[in-house]
Amino acid sequence: MECSKPVSLSTTNITATSAKIKWPAEDSAVNFQVKYRVSGGSWLKVNANSNSKTLKDLAPSTTYEWKVKTKCVKDPKVYGKFSLIKNFTIQPLKETVNVVDGNDNLSISVYPNPFKDVSTITLFLSENSFITVSLFDAQERKVQAVAEGKFSSGFHQVQLTAKGITAGIYFLQMKTGADVLVQKDNVE
C-alpha cells in the first residue's frame, strides 16, 4: 500500500508563540508525522492523530518551515512521502506599559520586543509635553538617546535601532515633567 503525499498545506492561528498547521484529511491515514524547524535549522518531529497540529513554544519574530507525511499502515509502519515544505513567521511580542499616575496621561509601547535590528516605539501623551526617551543597560548606563523634544498630545512613533548595541536586556525610559516611565526591552 502506498500512502498519498499531503498537499494544500496551511498555517492559521499564528501568535507570538504558537501556530496551527493543517492539511486535508486522508481516509487511509492511521496518523501523520510532522517535521518543523526554524528556517535552516534542525528538524523536530511530532505526531498528529488528525489533519492538524498546534505547534507551541515557538520563538517570536521567527520564520519556521514544516512538512508532513501520512502513516497509512500501523504495523509494519508504512509512510508516504513528505509534503513540500511550507513556511510561516511567528508574530513578534508586543509589550505595553501605562504610567499609573492617576491621570493615565503617558504610555509607551515597544514592538517587536525582543528585536534584532529595529523596534518601533509608540508614545502616547494626553497633553503637549517636552519628553526625552533614552535606552539604558542593566547597569543603568545610558546607551542611546532615542528621542527628545516638544511633542504634541496624541500618538507618536520613533524608531530604536540595535546598531552598536550588544544583545541583552535594556530599559527604555520616557520622561516628561515629573512623570517617568520605564519599559523593559530585549535586544537579540
C-alpha atoms as a PDB file:
ATOM      1  CA  MET A   1       0.000   0.000   0.000  1.00  0.00           C
ATOM      2  CA  GLU A   2       1.292   3.459  -0.871  1.00  0.00           C
ATOM      3  CA  CYS A   3       0.283   6.478   1.199  1.00  0.00           C
ATOM      4  CA  SER A   4      -0.608   9.705  -0.528  1.00  0.00           C
ATOM      5  CA  LYS A   5       1.534  12.814  -0.091  1.00  0.00           C
ATOM      6  CA  PRO A   6      -0.313  15.653   1.713  1.00  0.00           C
ATOM      7  CA  VAL A   7      -0.965  18.788  -0.348  1.00  0.00           C
ATOM      8  CA  SER A   8      -2.715  22.133   0.228  1.00  0.00           C
ATOM      9  CA  LEU A   9      -0.925  22.878   3.499  1.00  0.00           C
ATOM     10  CA  SER A  10      -1.961  25.920   5.514  1.00  0.00           C
ATOM     11  CA  THR A  11      -0.949  27.706   8.692  1.00  0.00           C
ATOM     12  CA  THR A  12      -3.507  29.540  10.848  1.00  0.00           C
ATOM     13  CA  ASN A  13      -3.893  30.995  14.349  1.00  0.00           C
ATOM     14  CA  ILE A  14      -0.337  32.363  14.370  1.00  0.00           C
ATOM     15  CA  THR A  15       0.537  34.076  17.661  1.00  0.00           C
ATOM     16  CA  ALA A  16       3.805  35.192  19.275  1.00  0.00           C
ATOM     17  CA  THR A  17       4.477  31.611  20.494  1.00  0.00           C
ATOM     18  CA  SER A  18       2.313  29.160  18.519  1.00  0.00           C
ATOM     19  CA  ALA A  19       0.767  28.291  15.159  1.00  0.00           C
ATOM     20  CA  LYS A  20      -1.778  25.768  13.917  1.00  0.00           C
ATOM     21  CA  ILE A  21      -0.725  23.794  10.839  1.00  0.00           C
ATOM     22  CA  LYS A  22      -3.319  21.999   8.695  1.00  0.00           C
ATOM     23  CA  TRP A  23      -3.631  19.755   5.654  1.00  0.00           C
ATOM     24  CA  PRO A  24      -6.539  17.850   4.044  1.00  0.00           C
ATOM     25  CA  ALA A  25      -7.777  14.706   5.831  1.00  0.00           C
ATOM     26  CA  GLU A  26      -6.787  11.338   4.346  1.00  0.00           C
ATOM     27  CA  ASP A  27      -9.208   8.370   4.541  1.00  0.00           C
ATOM     28  CA  SER A  28      -6.333   5.878   4.649  1.00  0.00           C
ATOM     29  CA  ALA A  29      -4.346   7.699   7.336  1.00  0.00           C
ATOM     30  CA  VAL A  30      -3.505   5.998  10.642  1.00  0.00           C
ATOM     31  CA  ASN A  31      -1.833   9.233  11.740  1.00  0.00           C
ATOM     32  CA  PHE A  32       0.644  11.810  10.445  1.00  0.00           C
ATOM     33  CA  GLN A  33       4.246  12.717  11.124  1.00  0.00           C
ATOM     34  CA  VAL A  34       5.123  16.404  11.154  1.00  0.00           C
ATOM     35  CA  LYS A  35       8.614  17.842  10.985  1.00  0.00           C
ATOM     36  CA  TYR A  36       9.220  21.522  11.720  1.00  0.00           C
ATOM     37  CA  ARG A  37      12.219  23.771  12.319  1.00  0.00           C
ATOM     38  CA  VAL A  38      13.476  27.304  12.476  1.00  0.00           C
ATOM     39  CA  SER A  39      14.299  28.022   8.827  1.00  0.00           C
ATOM     40  CA  GLY A  40      17.577  26.288   8.028  1.00  0.00           C
ATOM     41  CA  GLY A  41      17.830  24.671  11.491  1.00  0.00           C
ATOM     42  CA  SER A  42      17.478  21.074  12.660  1.00  0.00           C
ATOM     43  CA  TRP A  43      14.171  19.273  12.195  1.00  0.00           C
ATOM     44  CA  LEU A  44      11.954  18.482  15.181  1.00  0.00           C
ATOM     45  CA  LYS A  45       9.443  15.637  14.851  1.00  0.00           C
ATOM     46  CA  VAL A  46       5.911  15.361  16.272  1.00  0.00           C
ATOM     47  CA  ASN A  47       2.993  13.052  15.528  1.00  0.00           C
ATOM     48  CA  ALA A  48      -0.541  14.166  14.765  1.00  0.00           C
ATOM     49  CA  ASN A  49      -3.635  11.974  15.122  1.00  0.00           C
ATOM     50  CA  SER A  50      -5.694  14.267  12.893  1.00  0.00           C
ATOM     51  CA  ASN A  51      -5.075  16.544   9.928  1.00  0.00           C
ATOM     52  CA  SER A  52      -3.888  19.465  12.076  1.00  0.00           C
ATOM     53  CA  LYS A  53      -1.412  20.186  14.846  1.00  0.00           C
ATOM     54  CA  THR A  54      -0.800  23.216  17.047  1.00  0.00           C
ATOM     55  CA  LEU A  55       2.914  23.872  17.433  1.00  0.00           C
ATOM     56  CA  LYS A  56       3.716  25.567  20.747  1.00  0.00           C
ATOM     57  CA  ASP A  57       6.662  27.231  22.500  1.00  0.00           C
ATOM     58  CA  LEU A  58       7.863  28.835  19.267  1.00  0.00           C
ATOM     59  CA  ALA A  59      10.176  31.850  19.189  1.00  0.00           C
ATOM     60  CA  PRO A  60       8.599  35.253  18.443  1.00  0.00           C
ATOM     61  CA  SER A  61       9.529  37.016  15.180  1.00  0.00           C
ATOM     62  CA  THR A  62      10.952  33.761  13.783  1.00  0.00           C
ATOM     63  CA  THR A  63      10.304  32.032  10.452  1.00  0.00           C
ATOM     64  CA  TYR A  64       9.638  28.289  10.612  1.00  0.00           C
ATOM     65  CA  GLU A  65       9.449  25.580   7.962  1.00  0.00           C
ATOM     66  CA  TRP A  66       7.271  22.480   8.194  1.00  0.00           C
ATOM     67  CA  LYS A  67       6.311  19.407   6.256  1.00  0.00           C
ATOM     68  CA  VAL A  68       4.040  16.414   6.886  1.00  0.00           C
ATOM     69  CA  LYS A  69       3.727  12.813   5.742  1.00  0.00           C
ATOM     70  CA  THR A  70       0.930  10.266   6.097  1.00  0.00           C
ATOM     71  CA  LYS A  71       1.280   6.992   8.003  1.00  0.00           C
ATOM     72  CA  CYS A  72      -1.182   4.604   6.340  1.00  0.00           C
ATOM     73  CA  VAL A  73      -0.170   1.240   7.868  1.00  0.00           C
ATOM     74  CA  LYS A  74       0.421   0.793  11.600  1.00  0.00           C
ATOM     75  CA  ASP A  75       2.463  -2.429  11.627  1.00  0.00           C
ATOM     76  CA  PRO A  76       4.754  -2.642   9.788  1.00  0.00           C
ATOM     77  CA  LYS A  77       4.954   1.163   9.624  1.00  0.00           C
ATOM     78  CA  VAL A  78       4.311   2.471   6.125  1.00  0.00           C
ATOM     79  CA  TYR A  79       4.647   6.184   5.432  1.00  0.00           C
ATOM     80  CA  GLY A  80       4.080   8.211   2.319  1.00  0.00           C
ATOM     81  CA  LYS A  81       6.432  10.897   1.101  1.00  0.00           C
ATOM     82  CA  PHE A  82       6.758  14.230   2.871  1.00  0.00           C
ATOM     83  CA  SER A  83       4.796  17.136   1.501  1.00  0.00           C
ATOM     84  CA  LEU A  84       6.520  20.153   0.060  1.00  0.00           C
ATOM     85  CA  ILE A  85       7.932  22.480   2.724  1.00  0.00           C
ATOM     86  CA  LYS A  86       5.635  25.291   3.908  1.00  0.00           C
ATOM     87  CA  ASN A  87       6.834  28.448   5.749  1.00  0.00           C
ATOM     88  CA  PHE A  88       5.240  30.693   8.370  1.00  0.00           C
ATOM     89  CA  THR A  89       6.512  33.511  10.578  1.00  0.00           C
ATOM     90  CA  ILE A  90       5.639  33.788  14.247  1.00  0.00           C
ATOM     91  CA  GLN A  91       4.327  37.185  15.346  1.00  0.00           C
ATOM     92  CA  PRO A  92       6.567  39.418  17.422  1.00  0.00           C
ATOM     93  CA  LEU A  93       5.955  40.009  21.107  1.00  0.00           C
ATOM     94  CA  LYS A  94       4.395  43.314  21.984  1.00  0.00           C
ATOM     95  CA  GLU A  95       4.669  44.774  25.423  1.00  0.00           C
ATOM     96  CA  THR A  96       2.762  47.825  26.556  1.00  0.00           C
ATOM     97  CA  VAL A  97       3.086  49.638  29.860  1.00  0.00           C
ATOM     98  CA  ASN A  98       0.985  52.547  31.086  1.00  0.00           C
ATOM     99  CA  VAL A  99       2.093  55.019  33.704  1.00  0.00           C
ATOM    100  CA  VAL A 100      -0.028  54.839  36.820  1.00  0.00           C
ATOM    101  CA  ASP A 101      -0.052  58.474  37.782  1.00  0.00           C
ATOM    102  CA  GLY A 102      -3.750  58.868  38.438  1.00  0.00           C
ATOM    103  CA  ASN A 103      -4.261  60.586  35.081  1.00  0.00           C
ATOM    104  CA  ASP A 104      -3.085  57.843  32.673  1.00  0.00           C
ATOM    105  CA  ASN A 105      -1.535  60.596  30.585  1.00  0.00           C
ATOM    106  CA  LEU A 106       1.511  58.639  29.387  1.00  0.00           C
ATOM    107  CA  SER A 107       2.011  55.284  27.742  1.00  0.00           C
ATOM    108  CA  ILE A 108       4.754  53.611  25.767  1.00  0.00           C
ATOM    109  CA  SER A 109       4.652  50.525  23.579  1.00  0.00           C
ATOM    110  CA  VAL A 110       7.624  48.679  22.070  1.00  0.00           C
ATOM    111  CA  TYR A 111       7.106  46.460  19.031  1.00  0.00           C
ATOM    112  CA  PRO A 112       8.620  43.943  18.435  1.00  0.00           C
ATOM    113  CA  ASN A 113      10.196  43.093  21.761  1.00  0.00           C
ATOM    114  CA  PRO A 114      12.658  41.425  21.705  1.00  0.00           C
ATOM    115  CA  PHE A 115      14.101  42.750  18.452  1.00  0.00           C
ATOM    116  CA  LYS A 116      17.225  42.238  16.326  1.00  0.00           C
ATOM    117  CA  ASP A 117      17.502  45.313  14.091  1.00  0.00           C
ATOM    118  CA  VAL A 118      14.775  47.908  14.546  1.00  0.00           C
ATOM    119  CA  SER A 119      11.956  48.313  17.036  1.00  0.00           C
ATOM    120  CA  THR A 120       9.098  50.796  16.833  1.00  0.00           C
ATOM    121  CA  ILE A 121       8.275  52.770  19.956  1.00  0.00           C
ATOM    122  CA  THR A 122       4.773  54.196  20.144  1.00  0.00           C
ATOM    123  CA  LEU A 123       4.318  57.007  22.646  1.00  0.00           C
ATOM    124  CA  PHE A 124       1.031  58.420  23.871  1.00  0.00           C
ATOM    125  CA  LEU A 125       0.764  61.821  25.530  1.00  0.00           C
ATOM    126  CA  SER A 126      -2.523  63.252  26.787  1.00  0.00           C
ATOM    127  CA  GLU A 127      -1.125  66.783  26.588  1.00  0.00           C
ATOM    128  CA  ASN A 128       1.661  68.700  24.837  1.00  0.00           C
ATOM    129  CA  SER A 129       4.923  67.868  26.617  1.00  0.00           C
ATOM    130  CA  PHE A 130       8.679  68.069  26.356  1.00  0.00           C
ATOM    131  CA  ILE A 131       9.881  64.467  26.557  1.00  0.00           C
ATOM    132  CA  THR A 132      13.110  62.501  26.484  1.00  0.00           C
ATOM    133  CA  VAL A 133      13.266  58.827  25.586  1.00  0.00           C
ATOM    134  CA  SER A 134      16.532  57.043  26.399  1.00  0.00           C
ATOM    135  CA  LEU A 135      17.812  53.466  26.403  1.00  0.00           C
ATOM    136  CA  PHE A 136      19.714  52.232  29.471  1.00  0.00           C
ATOM    137  CA  ASP A 137      21.606  48.994  30.074  1.00  0.00           C
ATOM    138  CA  ALA A 138      21.157  46.760  33.139  1.00  0.00           C
ATOM    139  CA  GLN A 139      23.838  48.780  34.989  1.00  0.00           C
ATOM    140  CA  GLU A 140      21.736  51.933  34.489  1.00  0.00           C
ATOM    141  CA  ARG A 141      24.168  53.451  31.963  1.00  0.00           C
ATOM    142  CA  LYS A 142      22.632  55.481  29.157  1.00  0.00           C
ATOM    143  CA  VAL A 143      23.268  53.628  25.889  1.00  0.00           C
ATOM    144  CA  GLN A 144      21.262  55.638  23.378  1.00  0.00           C
ATOM    145  CA  ALA A 145      19.191  58.822  23.204  1.00  0.00           C
ATOM    146  CA  VAL A 146      16.126  57.733  21.245  1.00  0.00           C
ATOM    147  CA  ALA A 147      14.041  60.928  21.114  1.00  0.00           C
ATOM    148  CA  GLU A 148      13.985  64.352  22.729  1.00  0.00           C
ATOM    149  CA  GLY A 149      11.863  67.409  22.160  1.00  0.00           C
ATOM    150  CA  LYS A 150       8.445  69.019  22.343  1.00  0.00           C
ATOM    151  CA  PHE A 151       5.668  66.602  21.352  1.00  0.00           C
ATOM    152  CA  SER A 152       2.011  67.454  20.872  1.00  0.00           C
ATOM    153  CA  SER A 153      -0.692  65.402  22.538  1.00  0.00           C
ATOM    154  CA  GLY A 154      -1.595  62.116  20.851  1.00  0.00           C
ATOM    155  CA  PHE A 155       0.316  59.157  19.470  1.00  0.00           C
ATOM    156  CA  HIS A 156       3.861  59.367  18.093  1.00  0.00           C
ATOM    157  CA  GLN A 157       6.214  56.716  16.722  1.00  0.00           C
ATOM    158  CA  VAL A 158      10.018  56.678  16.881  1.00  0.00           C
ATOM    159  CA  GLN A 159      12.492  54.019  15.796  1.00  0.00           C
ATOM    160  CA  LEU A 160      15.028  52.304  18.042  1.00  0.00           C
ATOM    161  CA  THR A 161      17.915  50.652  16.200  1.00  0.00           C
ATOM    162  CA  ALA A 162      20.136  47.912  17.559  1.00  0.00           C
ATOM    163  CA  LYS A 163      23.169  49.225  15.658  1.00  0.00           C
ATOM    164  CA  GLY A 164      26.149  49.253  18.026  1.00  0.00           C
ATOM    165  CA  ILE A 165      24.189  47.604  20.844  1.00  0.00           C
ATOM    166  CA  THR A 166      25.082  44.128  22.084  1.00  0.00           C
ATOM    167  CA  ALA A 167      22.386  41.530  22.771  1.00  0.00           C
ATOM    168  CA  GLY A 168      20.867  41.747  26.229  1.00  0.00           C
ATOM    169  CA  ILE A 169      18.210  43.298  28.422  1.00  0.00           C
ATOM    170  CA  TYR A 170      17.751  47.061  28.309  1.00  0.00           C
ATOM    171  CA  PHE A 171      15.364  49.590  29.793  1.00  0.00           C
ATOM    172  CA  LEU A 172      13.624  52.298  27.832  1.00  0.00           C
ATOM    173  CA  GLN A 173      12.961  55.430  29.878  1.00  0.00           C
ATOM    174  CA  MET A 174      10.482  58.129  28.922  1.00  0.00           C
ATOM    175  CA  LYS A 175      10.499  61.359  30.937  1.00  0.00           C
ATOM    176  CA  THR A 176       8.068  64.211  30.786  1.00  0.00           C
ATOM    177  CA  GLY A 177       7.949  66.802  33.540  1.00  0.00           C
ATOM    178  CA  ALA A 178       7.592  64.887  36.815  1.00  0.00           C
ATOM    179  CA  ASP A 179       6.491  61.617  35.168  1.00  0.00           C
ATOM    180  CA  VAL A 180       8.979  58.855  34.415  1.00  0.00           C
ATOM    181  CA  LEU A 181       8.032  55.669  32.586  1.00  0.00           C
ATOM    182  CA  VAL A 182      10.427  52.706  32.292  1.00  0.00           C
ATOM    183  CA  GLN A 183       9.863  49.824  29.844  1.00  0.00           C
ATOM    184  CA  LYS A 184      11.978  46.639  29.683  1.00  0.00           C
ATOM    185  CA  ASP A 185      13.333  45.972  26.190  1.00  0.00           C
ATOM    186  CA  ASN A 186      15.330  42.988  24.888  1.00  0.00           C
ATOM    187  CA  VAL A 187      17.865  43.131  22.071  1.00  0.00           C
ATOM    188  CA  GLU A 188      18.717  39.797  20.447  1.00  0.00           C
END
